[in-house]
Amino acid sequence: MGEVDSRPFRVIVAGGGIAGLLMSHALHQAGIDHVVLESHSNVIATGGASFGFWPHAARIVDQLGLWEKVQELSIPMKTSHNRGPNGHTISKTRLFEDVTSRHGYDFLVIERQQFVRILYDNLPDKTRISENKVVKDIEDIPNGVRVVLGDGSIEEGDIVVGCDGVNSAVRRLMWERAKKTIPECVSEAEETCKSIL
C-alpha cells in the first residue's frame, strides 16, 4: 500500500473568503478531509461591497444551515430603482418580489464582512483554516498534489480548489502549466480579464 492509501481523500482549498469558507462547510458536511489556506493574517478582513443572495446562492446557504443567520443581518430587497445622473428614476421594477414568489427565498443584501463572519463563526472545525498561507506553487506528485507555500511549508492532498479571488494564484499557476503544454491556449485577454462571464 502506498502513502495515499493510508490517508483519506484530502482537498486543499486556496482562499478563505466567501467561496473558500462555503467550500469548508460543504466538505465538512460531506465528511471530506480538507484544509483552507488563506493568504491574509485574518479571514475576517475588512473591505468589500455588499453581497446579494439570488435563489441559487440562498439554497446553498440554507442547505448548510446558515440561512436564518443571514436573514437576521440582512435586508430583503423588494423594488429596484435605476436612476439617471440627476437622480430621477429611469426604471422601476418589482423583480425581487417575483424572485421571492417564484423561488421561495427573499433576495437579501448583507455586508460582505458580516457574511464572512457568519461563515467563519459557524464553521464546525476552525482548525481547518490556516492563515498567512500564500500559495507559491502547485506540483503534481504521483499520488496527488503538493502546494508549496510562501513560508516554506507544504500541504499535500488529492485536489486543489481555487477559491482565491480575482487575483488567483491557482488560476495563474494553471495558466502557466497550460501554456507550457499548449502555448497559445490562454489568450492575453483572458489572463488580464477580471470578470467571469
N, C-alpha and C. Protein backbone atom coordinates (compact mmCIF):
# COMPACT_ATOMS: atom_id res chain seq x y z
N MET A 1 0.83 -1.19 0.00
CA MET A 1 0.00 0.00 0.00
C MET A 1 0.86 1.24 0.00
N GLY A 2 0.50 2.21 -0.84
CA GLY A 2 1.22 3.47 -0.89
C GLY A 2 0.76 4.43 0.19
N GLU A 3 1.48 5.56 0.31
CA GLU A 3 1.15 6.56 1.32
C GLU A 3 -0.25 7.10 1.15
N VAL A 4 -0.68 7.31 -0.12
CA VAL A 4 -2.01 7.86 -0.36
C VAL A 4 -3.10 6.91 0.13
N ASP A 5 -2.83 5.59 0.12
CA ASP A 5 -3.82 4.62 0.58
C ASP A 5 -4.03 4.68 2.08
N SER A 6 -3.04 5.24 2.82
CA SER A 6 -3.13 5.27 4.27
C SER A 6 -3.81 6.53 4.80
N ARG A 7 -4.20 7.43 3.93
CA ARG A 7 -4.89 8.63 4.38
C ARG A 7 -6.18 8.81 3.60
N PRO A 8 -7.12 9.54 4.18
CA PRO A 8 -8.37 9.79 3.45
C PRO A 8 -8.16 10.79 2.32
N PHE A 9 -9.10 10.81 1.39
CA PHE A 9 -9.09 11.80 0.31
C PHE A 9 -9.00 13.18 0.96
N ARG A 10 -8.15 14.05 0.43
CA ARG A 10 -7.93 15.36 1.05
C ARG A 10 -7.97 16.46 0.01
N VAL A 11 -8.73 17.51 0.32
CA VAL A 11 -8.89 18.67 -0.56
C VAL A 11 -8.11 19.84 0.03
N ILE A 12 -7.36 20.52 -0.83
CA ILE A 12 -6.66 21.74 -0.42
C ILE A 12 -7.40 22.90 -1.06
N VAL A 13 -7.98 23.76 -0.23
CA VAL A 13 -8.75 24.91 -0.71
C VAL A 13 -7.86 26.14 -0.58
N ALA A 14 -7.58 26.79 -1.70
CA ALA A 14 -6.79 28.02 -1.69
C ALA A 14 -7.75 29.19 -1.61
N GLY A 15 -7.71 29.92 -0.50
CA GLY A 15 -8.57 31.08 -0.32
C GLY A 15 -9.59 30.88 0.77
N GLY A 16 -9.61 31.81 1.72
CA GLY A 16 -10.53 31.72 2.85
C GLY A 16 -11.56 32.82 2.87
N GLY A 17 -11.97 33.27 1.69
CA GLY A 17 -13.06 34.24 1.60
C GLY A 17 -14.40 33.51 1.55
N ILE A 18 -15.37 34.12 0.93
CA ILE A 18 -16.72 33.54 0.88
C ILE A 18 -16.69 32.15 0.25
N ALA A 19 -16.10 32.01 -0.92
CA ALA A 19 -16.10 30.71 -1.60
C ALA A 19 -15.35 29.65 -0.81
N GLY A 20 -14.19 30.01 -0.26
CA GLY A 20 -13.40 29.04 0.50
C GLY A 20 -14.09 28.59 1.78
N LEU A 21 -14.73 29.52 2.48
CA LEU A 21 -15.43 29.15 3.71
C LEU A 21 -16.69 28.34 3.41
N LEU A 22 -17.41 28.68 2.33
CA LEU A 22 -18.54 27.86 1.92
C LEU A 22 -18.08 26.45 1.56
N MET A 23 -16.93 26.36 0.86
CA MET A 23 -16.37 25.06 0.50
C MET A 23 -16.05 24.26 1.76
N SER A 24 -15.48 24.91 2.77
CA SER A 24 -15.15 24.22 4.02
C SER A 24 -16.41 23.66 4.69
N HIS A 25 -17.47 24.46 4.72
CA HIS A 25 -18.73 23.97 5.29
C HIS A 25 -19.23 22.74 4.53
N ALA A 26 -19.23 22.82 3.20
CA ALA A 26 -19.73 21.71 2.37
C ALA A 26 -18.86 20.46 2.53
N LEU A 27 -17.55 20.63 2.53
CA LEU A 27 -16.65 19.48 2.69
C LEU A 27 -16.83 18.85 4.07
N HIS A 28 -17.02 19.68 5.08
CA HIS A 28 -17.27 19.14 6.42
C HIS A 28 -18.56 18.31 6.44
N GLN A 29 -19.61 18.86 5.86
CA GLN A 29 -20.89 18.13 5.82
C GLN A 29 -20.75 16.80 5.09
N ALA A 30 -19.89 16.76 4.08
CA ALA A 30 -19.70 15.54 3.29
C ALA A 30 -18.68 14.59 3.94
N GLY A 31 -18.06 15.03 5.03
CA GLY A 31 -17.08 14.19 5.72
C GLY A 31 -15.76 14.06 4.98
N ILE A 32 -15.39 15.10 4.22
CA ILE A 32 -14.16 15.06 3.42
C ILE A 32 -13.07 15.88 4.11
N ASP A 33 -11.92 15.26 4.29
CA ASP A 33 -10.77 15.92 4.89
C ASP A 33 -10.34 17.09 4.01
N HIS A 34 -9.97 18.21 4.64
CA HIS A 34 -9.56 19.38 3.87
C HIS A 34 -8.81 20.38 4.74
N VAL A 35 -8.16 21.31 4.06
CA VAL A 35 -7.54 22.46 4.69
C VAL A 35 -7.86 23.67 3.83
N VAL A 36 -8.06 24.83 4.47
CA VAL A 36 -8.31 26.08 3.75
C VAL A 36 -7.10 26.98 4.00
N LEU A 37 -6.46 27.41 2.93
CA LEU A 37 -5.27 28.25 3.01
C LEU A 37 -5.63 29.69 2.68
N GLU A 38 -5.56 30.56 3.67
CA GLU A 38 -5.87 31.97 3.49
C GLU A 38 -4.58 32.78 3.53
N SER A 39 -4.37 33.62 2.52
CA SER A 39 -3.12 34.38 2.42
C SER A 39 -3.03 35.52 3.44
N HIS A 40 -4.15 36.05 3.86
CA HIS A 40 -4.14 37.16 4.82
C HIS A 40 -3.98 36.65 6.25
N SER A 41 -3.68 37.59 7.15
CA SER A 41 -3.48 37.22 8.55
C SER A 41 -4.79 37.02 9.30
N ASN A 42 -5.89 37.42 8.68
CA ASN A 42 -7.19 37.30 9.33
C ASN A 42 -8.25 37.02 8.27
N VAL A 43 -8.98 35.94 8.42
CA VAL A 43 -10.04 35.60 7.48
C VAL A 43 -11.10 36.70 7.46
N ILE A 44 -11.36 37.27 8.62
CA ILE A 44 -12.38 38.32 8.70
C ILE A 44 -11.73 39.66 8.35
N ALA A 45 -11.38 39.82 7.08
CA ALA A 45 -10.75 41.05 6.61
C ALA A 45 -11.81 42.12 6.40
N THR A 46 -11.42 43.35 6.55
CA THR A 46 -12.35 44.44 6.29
C THR A 46 -12.37 44.71 4.79
N GLY A 47 -13.39 45.40 4.37
CA GLY A 47 -13.49 45.76 2.96
C GLY A 47 -14.47 44.88 2.22
N GLY A 48 -14.66 45.24 0.99
CA GLY A 48 -15.61 44.50 0.16
C GLY A 48 -16.96 45.18 0.17
N ALA A 49 -17.70 44.93 -0.86
CA ALA A 49 -19.01 45.55 -1.01
C ALA A 49 -20.10 44.66 -0.41
N SER A 50 -21.30 45.09 -0.58
CA SER A 50 -22.44 44.27 -0.14
C SER A 50 -22.54 43.02 -1.00
N PHE A 51 -23.24 42.05 -0.49
CA PHE A 51 -23.40 40.77 -1.15
C PHE A 51 -24.88 40.49 -1.28
N GLY A 52 -25.35 40.18 -2.49
CA GLY A 52 -26.76 39.88 -2.71
C GLY A 52 -26.97 38.41 -2.96
N PHE A 53 -28.01 37.85 -2.36
CA PHE A 53 -28.31 36.42 -2.48
C PHE A 53 -29.42 36.17 -3.48
N TRP A 54 -29.06 35.66 -4.65
CA TRP A 54 -30.05 35.15 -5.59
C TRP A 54 -30.48 33.76 -5.08
N PRO A 55 -31.58 33.22 -5.57
CA PRO A 55 -32.10 31.95 -5.03
C PRO A 55 -31.11 30.79 -5.04
N HIS A 56 -30.28 30.66 -6.07
CA HIS A 56 -29.36 29.53 -6.11
C HIS A 56 -28.34 29.62 -4.97
N ALA A 57 -27.87 30.82 -4.65
CA ALA A 57 -26.94 31.00 -3.53
C ALA A 57 -27.67 30.81 -2.21
N ALA A 58 -28.88 31.33 -2.11
CA ALA A 58 -29.67 31.18 -0.88
C ALA A 58 -29.90 29.71 -0.56
N ARG A 59 -30.20 28.92 -1.57
CA ARG A 59 -30.44 27.49 -1.38
C ARG A 59 -29.22 26.80 -0.77
N ILE A 60 -28.03 27.12 -1.28
CA ILE A 60 -26.81 26.51 -0.76
C ILE A 60 -26.58 26.91 0.68
N VAL A 61 -26.72 28.20 0.97
CA VAL A 61 -26.52 28.68 2.33
C VAL A 61 -27.56 28.04 3.27
N ASP A 62 -28.77 27.87 2.79
CA ASP A 62 -29.82 27.21 3.58
C ASP A 62 -29.46 25.74 3.83
N GLN A 63 -28.98 25.04 2.81
CA GLN A 63 -28.59 23.64 2.98
C GLN A 63 -27.45 23.48 3.98
N LEU A 64 -26.64 24.51 4.13
CA LEU A 64 -25.54 24.47 5.09
C LEU A 64 -25.99 24.90 6.49
N GLY A 65 -27.29 25.25 6.61
CA GLY A 65 -27.84 25.61 7.92
C GLY A 65 -27.55 27.03 8.35
N LEU A 66 -27.25 27.91 7.41
CA LEU A 66 -26.84 29.27 7.77
C LEU A 66 -27.81 30.36 7.31
N TRP A 67 -28.88 29.97 6.62
CA TRP A 67 -29.79 30.97 6.02
C TRP A 67 -30.45 31.84 7.08
N GLU A 68 -30.89 31.25 8.19
CA GLU A 68 -31.56 32.05 9.23
C GLU A 68 -30.61 33.09 9.81
N LYS A 69 -29.34 32.75 9.95
CA LYS A 69 -28.36 33.71 10.46
C LYS A 69 -28.17 34.85 9.47
N VAL A 70 -28.18 34.55 8.19
CA VAL A 70 -28.07 35.59 7.16
C VAL A 70 -29.30 36.48 7.21
N GLN A 71 -30.49 35.89 7.36
CA GLN A 71 -31.73 36.66 7.41
C GLN A 71 -31.73 37.67 8.57
N GLU A 72 -31.14 37.28 9.69
CA GLU A 72 -31.10 38.15 10.87
C GLU A 72 -30.34 39.45 10.61
N LEU A 73 -29.35 39.41 9.73
CA LEU A 73 -28.49 40.58 9.48
C LEU A 73 -28.71 41.22 8.12
N SER A 74 -29.74 40.78 7.42
CA SER A 74 -29.96 41.24 6.05
C SER A 74 -31.21 42.07 5.90
N ILE A 75 -31.27 42.68 4.75
CA ILE A 75 -32.45 43.46 4.38
C ILE A 75 -32.96 42.89 3.06
N PRO A 76 -34.23 42.44 3.02
CA PRO A 76 -34.76 41.94 1.74
C PRO A 76 -35.02 43.11 0.79
N MET A 77 -34.61 42.92 -0.45
CA MET A 77 -34.92 43.92 -1.48
C MET A 77 -36.27 43.56 -2.09
N LYS A 78 -37.08 44.57 -2.28
CA LYS A 78 -38.40 44.36 -2.87
C LYS A 78 -38.50 45.05 -4.23
N THR A 79 -37.97 46.27 -4.31
CA THR A 79 -38.09 47.07 -5.52
C THR A 79 -36.72 47.59 -5.92
N SER A 80 -36.48 47.67 -7.22
CA SER A 80 -35.23 48.21 -7.74
C SER A 80 -35.52 49.47 -8.54
N HIS A 81 -34.80 50.53 -8.24
CA HIS A 81 -34.90 51.78 -8.98
C HIS A 81 -33.59 52.00 -9.71
N ASN A 82 -33.64 52.21 -10.99
CA ASN A 82 -32.47 52.63 -11.77
C ASN A 82 -32.62 54.12 -12.01
N ARG A 83 -31.60 54.85 -11.62
CA ARG A 83 -31.70 56.32 -11.69
C ARG A 83 -30.63 56.89 -12.60
N GLY A 84 -30.97 58.01 -13.20
CA GLY A 84 -30.02 58.74 -14.03
C GLY A 84 -29.14 59.64 -13.18
N PRO A 85 -28.20 60.34 -13.81
CA PRO A 85 -27.28 61.22 -13.07
C PRO A 85 -27.99 62.31 -12.27
N ASN A 86 -29.18 62.70 -12.70
CA ASN A 86 -29.92 63.74 -11.99
C ASN A 86 -30.76 63.19 -10.83
N GLY A 87 -30.72 61.87 -10.63
CA GLY A 87 -31.45 61.26 -9.53
C GLY A 87 -32.86 60.82 -9.86
N HIS A 88 -33.33 61.15 -11.04
CA HIS A 88 -34.68 60.75 -11.43
C HIS A 88 -34.70 59.27 -11.82
N THR A 89 -35.80 58.61 -11.50
CA THR A 89 -35.96 57.21 -11.82
C THR A 89 -36.11 57.01 -13.32
N ILE A 90 -35.25 56.13 -13.86
CA ILE A 90 -35.33 55.76 -15.27
C ILE A 90 -36.27 54.56 -15.41
N SER A 91 -36.09 53.62 -14.49
CA SER A 91 -36.96 52.45 -14.48
C SER A 91 -37.12 51.95 -13.06
N LYS A 92 -38.22 51.28 -12.84
CA LYS A 92 -38.53 50.73 -11.53
C LYS A 92 -39.08 49.33 -11.76
N THR A 93 -38.57 48.38 -10.99
CA THR A 93 -39.04 47.01 -11.16
C THR A 93 -39.29 46.37 -9.81
N ARG A 94 -40.24 45.45 -9.81
CA ARG A 94 -40.55 44.68 -8.61
C ARG A 94 -39.99 43.26 -8.78
N LEU A 95 -38.88 43.17 -9.50
CA LEU A 95 -38.23 41.89 -9.79
C LEU A 95 -38.03 41.05 -8.53
N PHE A 96 -37.61 41.68 -7.46
CA PHE A 96 -37.25 40.91 -6.28
C PHE A 96 -38.46 40.28 -5.60
N GLU A 97 -39.62 40.91 -5.74
CA GLU A 97 -40.85 40.27 -5.25
C GLU A 97 -41.16 39.04 -6.08
N ASP A 98 -40.93 39.12 -7.39
CA ASP A 98 -41.11 37.96 -8.27
C ASP A 98 -40.14 36.85 -7.90
N VAL A 99 -38.90 37.21 -7.61
CA VAL A 99 -37.90 36.22 -7.20
C VAL A 99 -38.40 35.46 -5.98
N THR A 100 -38.90 36.18 -4.99
CA THR A 100 -39.40 35.55 -3.76
C THR A 100 -40.58 34.63 -4.05
N SER A 101 -41.54 35.10 -4.84
CA SER A 101 -42.72 34.28 -5.10
C SER A 101 -42.40 33.05 -5.95
N ARG A 102 -41.45 33.16 -6.84
CA ARG A 102 -41.12 32.03 -7.72
C ARG A 102 -40.16 31.02 -7.10
N HIS A 103 -39.29 31.49 -6.22
CA HIS A 103 -38.23 30.61 -5.72
C HIS A 103 -38.29 30.33 -4.22
N GLY A 104 -39.12 31.08 -3.50
CA GLY A 104 -39.27 30.81 -2.07
C GLY A 104 -38.21 31.44 -1.18
N TYR A 105 -37.34 32.24 -1.75
CA TYR A 105 -36.32 32.92 -0.96
C TYR A 105 -36.35 34.40 -1.29
N ASP A 106 -36.27 35.24 -0.24
CA ASP A 106 -36.13 36.67 -0.48
C ASP A 106 -34.77 36.94 -1.10
N PHE A 107 -34.67 38.00 -1.88
CA PHE A 107 -33.38 38.48 -2.34
C PHE A 107 -32.83 39.33 -1.21
N LEU A 108 -31.83 38.83 -0.51
CA LEU A 108 -31.28 39.53 0.65
C LEU A 108 -29.96 40.19 0.31
N VAL A 109 -29.71 41.29 0.96
CA VAL A 109 -28.45 42.02 0.81
C VAL A 109 -27.81 42.10 2.19
N ILE A 110 -26.51 41.78 2.25
CA ILE A 110 -25.77 41.80 3.50
C ILE A 110 -24.38 42.35 3.22
N GLU A 111 -23.78 42.98 4.20
CA GLU A 111 -22.40 43.43 4.05
C GLU A 111 -21.50 42.21 3.95
N ARG A 112 -20.54 42.26 3.03
CA ARG A 112 -19.64 41.13 2.80
C ARG A 112 -18.99 40.65 4.10
N GLN A 113 -18.47 41.59 4.88
CA GLN A 113 -17.78 41.23 6.11
C GLN A 113 -18.71 40.50 7.09
N GLN A 114 -19.98 40.90 7.14
CA GLN A 114 -20.93 40.21 8.02
C GLN A 114 -21.15 38.77 7.56
N PHE A 115 -21.23 38.57 6.24
CA PHE A 115 -21.44 37.22 5.72
C PHE A 115 -20.21 36.35 5.99
N VAL A 116 -19.02 36.90 5.78
CA VAL A 116 -17.79 36.15 6.08
C VAL A 116 -17.77 35.78 7.56
N ARG A 117 -18.17 36.70 8.41
CA ARG A 117 -18.21 36.43 9.87
C ARG A 117 -19.17 35.28 10.17
N ILE A 118 -20.34 35.27 9.55
CA ILE A 118 -21.29 34.17 9.75
C ILE A 118 -20.66 32.85 9.33
N LEU A 119 -20.04 32.85 8.15
CA LEU A 119 -19.42 31.62 7.65
C LEU A 119 -18.32 31.14 8.60
N TYR A 120 -17.46 32.06 9.03
CA TYR A 120 -16.35 31.67 9.88
C TYR A 120 -16.81 31.25 11.28
N ASP A 121 -17.66 32.08 11.90
CA ASP A 121 -18.10 31.79 13.27
C ASP A 121 -18.85 30.46 13.38
N ASN A 122 -19.48 30.03 12.30
CA ASN A 122 -20.28 28.81 12.34
C ASN A 122 -19.57 27.59 11.74
N LEU A 123 -18.28 27.73 11.46
CA LEU A 123 -17.53 26.56 10.99
C LEU A 123 -17.50 25.50 12.08
N PRO A 124 -17.79 24.27 11.74
CA PRO A 124 -17.76 23.21 12.75
C PRO A 124 -16.33 22.91 13.23
N ASP A 125 -15.32 23.22 12.40
CA ASP A 125 -13.94 22.92 12.76
C ASP A 125 -13.02 24.01 12.21
N LYS A 126 -12.75 25.01 13.05
CA LYS A 126 -11.90 26.14 12.62
C LYS A 126 -10.44 25.74 12.47
N THR A 127 -10.04 24.57 12.96
CA THR A 127 -8.65 24.14 12.80
C THR A 127 -8.32 23.85 11.33
N ARG A 128 -9.34 23.77 10.50
CA ARG A 128 -9.12 23.54 9.06
C ARG A 128 -8.64 24.80 8.34
N ILE A 129 -8.74 25.95 9.00
CA ILE A 129 -8.36 27.22 8.39
C ILE A 129 -6.93 27.57 8.80
N SER A 130 -6.08 27.83 7.81
CA SER A 130 -4.70 28.25 8.06
C SER A 130 -4.49 29.62 7.44
N GLU A 131 -4.20 30.60 8.29
CA GLU A 131 -4.00 31.97 7.82
C GLU A 131 -2.51 32.22 7.54
N ASN A 132 -2.24 33.30 6.82
CA ASN A 132 -0.87 33.65 6.41
C ASN A 132 -0.23 32.56 5.56
N LYS A 133 -1.02 31.92 4.71
CA LYS A 133 -0.53 30.84 3.84
C LYS A 133 -0.70 31.26 2.39
N VAL A 134 0.37 31.76 1.80
CA VAL A 134 0.36 32.25 0.42
C VAL A 134 0.79 31.12 -0.51
N VAL A 135 -0.05 30.78 -1.47
CA VAL A 135 0.27 29.73 -2.44
C VAL A 135 1.33 30.25 -3.40
N LYS A 136 2.46 29.55 -3.45
CA LYS A 136 3.56 29.92 -4.36
C LYS A 136 3.65 28.97 -5.55
N ASP A 137 3.35 27.69 -5.33
CA ASP A 137 3.44 26.73 -6.42
C ASP A 137 2.55 25.54 -6.12
N ILE A 138 2.14 24.88 -7.18
CA ILE A 138 1.37 23.64 -7.08
C ILE A 138 2.09 22.61 -7.93
N GLU A 139 2.43 21.49 -7.33
CA GLU A 139 3.17 20.45 -8.04
C GLU A 139 2.35 19.17 -8.11
N ASP A 140 2.40 18.54 -9.25
CA ASP A 140 1.81 17.20 -9.37
C ASP A 140 2.78 16.22 -8.73
N ILE A 141 2.27 15.33 -7.91
CA ILE A 141 3.07 14.27 -7.33
C ILE A 141 2.39 12.95 -7.67
N PRO A 142 3.07 11.83 -7.55
CA PRO A 142 2.49 10.56 -8.01
C PRO A 142 1.09 10.26 -7.47
N ASN A 143 0.81 10.63 -6.23
CA ASN A 143 -0.49 10.29 -5.65
C ASN A 143 -1.33 11.51 -5.32
N GLY A 144 -1.16 12.61 -6.07
CA GLY A 144 -1.96 13.78 -5.79
C GLY A 144 -1.28 15.07 -6.16
N VAL A 145 -1.35 16.05 -5.25
CA VAL A 145 -0.77 17.36 -5.46
C VAL A 145 -0.05 17.83 -4.22
N ARG A 146 0.94 18.70 -4.45
CA ARG A 146 1.68 19.33 -3.36
C ARG A 146 1.57 20.83 -3.58
N VAL A 147 1.17 21.55 -2.53
CA VAL A 147 1.09 23.01 -2.59
C VAL A 147 2.25 23.57 -1.77
N VAL A 148 3.08 24.35 -2.43
CA VAL A 148 4.22 25.00 -1.78
C VAL A 148 3.77 26.39 -1.36
N LEU A 149 4.01 26.72 -0.09
CA LEU A 149 3.53 27.98 0.46
C LEU A 149 4.68 28.96 0.68
N GLY A 150 4.33 30.23 0.77
CA GLY A 150 5.31 31.30 0.90
C GLY A 150 6.20 31.20 2.12
N ASP A 151 5.72 30.57 3.18
CA ASP A 151 6.53 30.43 4.40
C ASP A 151 7.42 29.18 4.36
N GLY A 152 7.42 28.48 3.22
CA GLY A 152 8.24 27.29 3.06
C GLY A 152 7.55 25.99 3.43
N SER A 153 6.37 26.09 4.01
CA SER A 153 5.64 24.86 4.37
C SER A 153 4.97 24.26 3.14
N ILE A 154 4.51 23.04 3.29
CA ILE A 154 3.92 22.28 2.18
C ILE A 154 2.63 21.63 2.66
N GLU A 155 1.65 21.62 1.80
CA GLU A 155 0.41 20.87 2.04
C GLU A 155 0.27 19.86 0.91
N GLU A 156 -0.09 18.63 1.25
CA GLU A 156 -0.31 17.62 0.23
C GLU A 156 -1.74 17.12 0.31
N GLY A 157 -2.29 16.80 -0.85
CA GLY A 157 -3.65 16.31 -0.92
C GLY A 157 -3.91 15.68 -2.27
N ASP A 158 -5.19 15.54 -2.59
CA ASP A 158 -5.59 14.89 -3.84
C ASP A 158 -6.02 15.88 -4.90
N ILE A 159 -6.50 17.05 -4.48
CA ILE A 159 -7.01 18.05 -5.42
C ILE A 159 -6.88 19.42 -4.78
N VAL A 160 -6.65 20.42 -5.62
CA VAL A 160 -6.63 21.82 -5.17
C VAL A 160 -7.85 22.50 -5.75
N VAL A 161 -8.56 23.24 -4.91
CA VAL A 161 -9.72 24.02 -5.35
C VAL A 161 -9.35 25.49 -5.19
N GLY A 162 -9.36 26.22 -6.29
CA GLY A 162 -9.01 27.63 -6.27
C GLY A 162 -10.20 28.49 -5.89
N CYS A 163 -10.16 29.04 -4.69
CA CYS A 163 -11.18 29.98 -4.20
C CYS A 163 -10.49 31.27 -3.78
N ASP A 164 -9.41 31.59 -4.47
CA ASP A 164 -8.54 32.68 -4.03
C ASP A 164 -8.75 33.99 -4.78
N GLY A 165 -9.92 34.20 -5.29
CA GLY A 165 -10.34 35.51 -5.75
C GLY A 165 -9.86 35.95 -7.12
N VAL A 166 -10.07 37.23 -7.37
CA VAL A 166 -9.85 37.80 -8.69
C VAL A 166 -8.37 37.75 -9.10
N ASN A 167 -7.46 37.83 -8.16
CA ASN A 167 -6.03 37.74 -8.46
C ASN A 167 -5.51 36.35 -8.09
N SER A 168 -6.22 35.35 -8.46
CA SER A 168 -5.98 33.97 -8.05
C SER A 168 -4.60 33.43 -8.44
N ALA A 169 -3.87 32.98 -7.42
CA ALA A 169 -2.59 32.30 -7.66
C ALA A 169 -2.84 30.95 -8.32
N VAL A 170 -3.90 30.28 -7.93
CA VAL A 170 -4.22 28.97 -8.52
C VAL A 170 -4.48 29.10 -10.01
N ARG A 171 -5.27 30.09 -10.40
CA ARG A 171 -5.56 30.32 -11.82
C ARG A 171 -4.28 30.66 -12.58
N ARG A 172 -3.43 31.54 -12.01
CA ARG A 172 -2.17 31.92 -12.67
C ARG A 172 -1.29 30.69 -12.87
N LEU A 173 -1.17 29.85 -11.85
CA LEU A 173 -0.35 28.64 -11.96
C LEU A 173 -0.93 27.67 -12.99
N MET A 174 -2.26 27.55 -13.02
CA MET A 174 -2.93 26.70 -14.00
C MET A 174 -2.63 27.18 -15.43
N TRP A 175 -2.72 28.51 -15.63
CA TRP A 175 -2.45 29.07 -16.94
C TRP A 175 -1.00 28.85 -17.35
N GLU A 176 -0.07 29.02 -16.40
CA GLU A 176 1.35 28.79 -16.71
C GLU A 176 1.57 27.36 -17.18
N ARG A 177 0.97 26.41 -16.49
CA ARG A 177 1.10 25.00 -16.88
C ARG A 177 0.46 24.74 -18.25
N ALA A 178 -0.72 25.30 -18.44
CA ALA A 178 -1.43 25.09 -19.71
C ALA A 178 -0.61 25.63 -20.87
N LYS A 179 -0.01 26.81 -20.70
CA LYS A 179 0.76 27.42 -21.78
C LYS A 179 2.05 26.66 -22.09
N LYS A 180 2.58 25.95 -21.10
CA LYS A 180 3.75 25.11 -21.37
C LYS A 180 3.37 23.93 -22.25
N THR A 181 2.17 23.43 -22.06
CA THR A 181 1.70 22.27 -22.82
C THR A 181 1.18 22.70 -24.20
N ILE A 182 0.33 23.72 -24.21
CA ILE A 182 -0.25 24.25 -25.45
C ILE A 182 -0.03 25.77 -25.42
N PRO A 183 1.05 26.26 -26.00
CA PRO A 183 1.48 27.65 -25.83
C PRO A 183 0.42 28.73 -26.02
N GLU A 184 -0.52 28.57 -26.93
CA GLU A 184 -1.48 29.66 -27.17
C GLU A 184 -2.88 29.34 -26.66
N CYS A 185 -2.98 28.46 -25.70
CA CYS A 185 -4.32 28.06 -25.23
C CYS A 185 -4.98 29.11 -24.34
N VAL A 186 -4.20 29.98 -23.72
CA VAL A 186 -4.76 31.03 -22.88
C VAL A 186 -4.35 32.37 -23.48
N SER A 187 -5.34 33.15 -23.90
CA SER A 187 -5.03 34.43 -24.54
C SER A 187 -4.66 35.48 -23.49
N GLU A 188 -3.99 36.52 -23.94
CA GLU A 188 -3.65 37.62 -23.04
C GLU A 188 -4.92 38.28 -22.52
N ALA A 189 -5.94 38.39 -23.36
CA ALA A 189 -7.20 38.99 -22.95
C ALA A 189 -7.83 38.19 -21.80
N GLU A 190 -7.75 36.86 -21.90
CA GLU A 190 -8.30 36.03 -20.82
C GLU A 190 -7.49 36.21 -19.54
N GLU A 191 -6.18 36.30 -19.67
CA GLU A 191 -5.32 36.43 -18.50
C GLU A 191 -5.54 37.76 -17.78
N THR A 192 -5.82 38.81 -18.52
CA THR A 192 -5.97 40.12 -17.90
C THR A 192 -7.40 40.48 -17.55
N CYS A 193 -8.34 39.64 -17.94
CA CYS A 193 -9.76 39.88 -17.65
C CYS A 193 -10.00 39.68 -16.15
N LYS A 194 -10.74 40.58 -15.54
CA LYS A 194 -11.02 40.48 -14.11
C LYS A 194 -12.47 40.11 -13.83
N SER A 195 -13.18 39.67 -14.84
CA SER A 195 -14.56 39.26 -14.63
C SER A 195 -14.77 37.89 -15.20
N ILE A 196 -15.77 37.22 -14.69
CA ILE A 196 -16.13 35.88 -15.16
C ILE A 196 -17.43 35.99 -15.92
N LEU A 197 -17.45 35.50 -17.13
CA LEU A 197 -18.66 35.59 -17.95
C LEU A 197 -19.58 34.45 -17.67
